[in-house]
Amino acid sequence: MHLAMLGTTEVVVIVLVVLVLFGAKRIPEFAKGLGKGLKEFKDAKNDIKDSIDSTDKD
């Protein structure tokens, strides 16, 4: 099942379940951690890409 196939109802249900499980105060903490993780992943990806590009130029 792909995320693109989720309808509005399914997304609302998922959000409600997350709110019930974690509480409204914990959601921003998770989002902040997720954002930091994605930034680190993107930075690492760019470092590897730059390393490969510099190796190809040599």
N, C-alpha and C. Protein backbone atom coordinates (compact mmCIF):
# COMPACT_ATOMS: atom_id res chain seq x y z
N MET A 1 0.84 -1.18 0.00
CA MET A 1 0.00 0.00 0.00
C MET A 1 0.89 1.24 0.00
N HIS A 2 0.64 2.13 -0.89
CA HIS A 2 1.42 3.35 -1.01
C HIS A 2 0.74 4.48 -0.24
N LEU A 3 1.56 5.40 0.28
CA LEU A 3 1.00 6.54 1.01
C LEU A 3 0.15 7.42 0.11
N ALA A 4 0.45 7.44 -1.17
CA ALA A 4 -0.31 8.26 -2.10
C ALA A 4 -1.74 7.76 -2.24
N MET A 5 -1.97 6.52 -1.87
CA MET A 5 -3.29 5.94 -2.01
C MET A 5 -4.16 6.18 -0.77
N LEU A 6 -3.61 6.83 0.26
CA LEU A 6 -4.39 7.11 1.46
C LEU A 6 -5.36 8.25 1.20
N GLY A 7 -6.58 8.07 1.64
CA GLY A 7 -7.57 9.12 1.50
C GLY A 7 -7.58 10.03 2.71
N THR A 8 -8.41 11.04 2.64
CA THR A 8 -8.51 12.01 3.73
C THR A 8 -8.94 11.34 5.03
N THR A 9 -9.89 10.43 4.94
CA THR A 9 -10.39 9.75 6.14
C THR A 9 -9.28 8.96 6.82
N GLU A 10 -8.49 8.24 6.04
CA GLU A 10 -7.41 7.45 6.61
C GLU A 10 -6.36 8.33 7.28
N VAL A 11 -6.04 9.45 6.65
CA VAL A 11 -5.05 10.37 7.22
C VAL A 11 -5.56 10.94 8.54
N VAL A 12 -6.83 11.31 8.59
CA VAL A 12 -7.42 11.85 9.82
C VAL A 12 -7.38 10.80 10.93
N VAL A 13 -7.71 9.57 10.61
CA VAL A 13 -7.69 8.49 11.60
C VAL A 13 -6.27 8.28 12.12
N ILE A 14 -5.29 8.28 11.23
CA ILE A 14 -3.89 8.10 11.64
C ILE A 14 -3.45 9.23 12.55
N VAL A 15 -3.79 10.46 12.21
CA VAL A 15 -3.42 11.62 13.04
C VAL A 15 -4.07 11.50 14.41
N LEU A 16 -5.33 11.11 14.47
CA LEU A 16 -6.01 10.96 15.76
C LEU A 16 -5.37 9.87 16.61
N VAL A 17 -5.01 8.76 15.99
CA VAL A 17 -4.35 7.68 16.73
C VAL A 17 -3.01 8.14 17.28
N VAL A 18 -2.25 8.87 16.48
CA VAL A 18 -0.96 9.39 16.94
C VAL A 18 -1.16 10.35 18.10
N LEU A 19 -2.16 11.21 18.01
CA LEU A 19 -2.44 12.15 19.11
C LEU A 19 -2.82 11.41 20.39
N VAL A 20 -3.61 10.37 20.26
CA VAL A 20 -4.02 9.60 21.44
C VAL A 20 -2.82 8.87 22.04
N LEU A 21 -1.98 8.29 21.20
CA LEU A 21 -0.85 7.51 21.71
C LEU A 21 0.22 8.39 22.34
N PHE A 22 0.55 9.49 21.72
CA PHE A 22 1.69 10.28 22.16
C PHE A 22 1.30 11.57 22.87
N GLY A 23 0.13 12.06 22.67
CA GLY A 23 -0.29 13.32 23.29
C GLY A 23 0.16 14.50 22.45
N ALA A 24 -0.57 15.59 22.59
CA ALA A 24 -0.32 16.77 21.76
C ALA A 24 1.01 17.43 22.08
N LYS A 25 1.48 17.31 23.31
CA LYS A 25 2.74 17.97 23.69
C LYS A 25 3.96 17.26 23.12
N ARG A 26 3.86 15.97 22.84
CA ARG A 26 5.00 15.22 22.35
C ARG A 26 5.16 15.31 20.83
N ILE A 27 4.12 15.66 20.12
CA ILE A 27 4.16 15.72 18.66
C ILE A 27 5.23 16.70 18.17
N PRO A 28 5.32 17.92 18.69
CA PRO A 28 6.38 18.83 18.21
C PRO A 28 7.79 18.29 18.46
N GLU A 29 7.98 17.57 19.57
CA GLU A 29 9.28 16.98 19.85
C GLU A 29 9.64 15.94 18.78
N PHE A 30 8.67 15.11 18.43
CA PHE A 30 8.91 14.10 17.39
C PHE A 30 9.18 14.76 16.05
N ALA A 31 8.42 15.80 15.73
CA ALA A 31 8.61 16.50 14.46
C ALA A 31 9.99 17.15 14.40
N LYS A 32 10.42 17.74 15.50
CA LYS A 32 11.74 18.36 15.55
C LYS A 32 12.83 17.31 15.36
N GLY A 33 12.70 16.19 16.03
CA GLY A 33 13.67 15.10 15.88
C GLY A 33 13.68 14.55 14.47
N LEU A 34 12.51 14.42 13.88
CA LEU A 34 12.42 13.94 12.50
C LEU A 34 13.08 14.92 11.55
N GLY A 35 12.86 16.21 11.76
CA GLY A 35 13.48 17.23 10.92
C GLY A 35 14.99 17.20 11.02
N LYS A 36 15.51 17.04 12.23
CA LYS A 36 16.97 16.96 12.42
C LYS A 36 17.53 15.73 11.73
N GLY A 37 16.82 14.62 11.87
CA GLY A 37 17.26 13.38 11.23
C GLY A 37 17.29 13.50 9.71
N LEU A 38 16.26 14.12 9.15
CA LEU A 38 16.21 14.31 7.70
C LEU A 38 17.32 15.25 7.23
N LYS A 39 17.62 16.28 8.02
CA LYS A 39 18.70 17.20 7.66
C LYS A 39 20.05 16.49 7.68
N GLU A 40 20.29 15.66 8.71
CA GLU A 40 21.53 14.91 8.78
C GLU A 40 21.65 13.95 7.61
N PHE A 41 20.55 13.29 7.25
CA PHE A 41 20.56 12.37 6.12
C PHE A 41 20.87 13.11 4.82
N LYS A 42 20.25 14.27 4.64
CA LYS A 42 20.48 15.07 3.43
C LYS A 42 21.93 15.54 3.37
N ASP A 43 22.46 16.00 4.51
CA ASP A 43 23.86 16.44 4.55
C ASP A 43 24.81 15.30 4.22
N ALA A 44 24.55 14.11 4.78
CA ALA A 44 25.40 12.95 4.50
C ALA A 44 25.32 12.57 3.03
N LYS A 45 24.12 12.63 2.47
CA LYS A 45 23.93 12.30 1.05
C LYS A 45 24.72 13.27 0.18
N ASN A 46 24.67 14.56 0.52
CA ASN A 46 25.41 15.56 -0.25
C ASN A 46 26.92 15.38 -0.10
N ASP A 47 27.38 15.01 1.10
CA ASP A 47 28.81 14.76 1.31
C ASP A 47 29.29 13.60 0.46
N ILE A 48 28.51 12.54 0.41
CA ILE A 48 28.88 11.38 -0.41
C ILE A 48 28.87 11.76 -1.88
N LYS A 49 27.87 12.50 -2.30
CA LYS A 49 27.78 12.93 -3.69
C LYS A 49 28.98 13.80 -4.06
N ASP A 50 29.34 14.74 -3.18
CA ASP A 50 30.51 15.60 -3.43
C ASP A 50 31.79 14.78 -3.48
N SER A 51 31.90 13.79 -2.62
CA SER A 51 33.08 12.93 -2.60
C SER A 51 33.20 12.15 -3.90
N ILE A 52 32.09 11.65 -4.39
CA ILE A 52 32.10 10.89 -5.65
C ILE A 52 32.44 11.82 -6.81
N ASP A 53 31.85 13.02 -6.80
CA ASP A 53 32.13 13.98 -7.87
C ASP A 53 33.59 14.39 -7.88
N SER A 54 34.19 14.60 -6.70
CA SER A 54 35.60 15.00 -6.66
C SER A 54 36.50 13.85 -7.07
N THR A 55 36.10 12.62 -6.80
CA THR A 55 36.88 11.45 -7.21
C THR A 55 36.82 11.30 -8.73
N ASP A 56 35.66 11.57 -9.32
CA ASP A 56 35.52 11.47 -10.77
C ASP A 56 36.36 12.52 -11.49
N LYS A 57 36.54 13.69 -10.89
CA LYS A 57 37.31 14.76 -11.53
C LYS A 57 38.81 14.48 -11.50
N ASP A 58 39.25 13.66 -10.54
CA ASP A 58 40.69 13.36 -10.43
C ASP A 58 41.12 12.38 -11.44
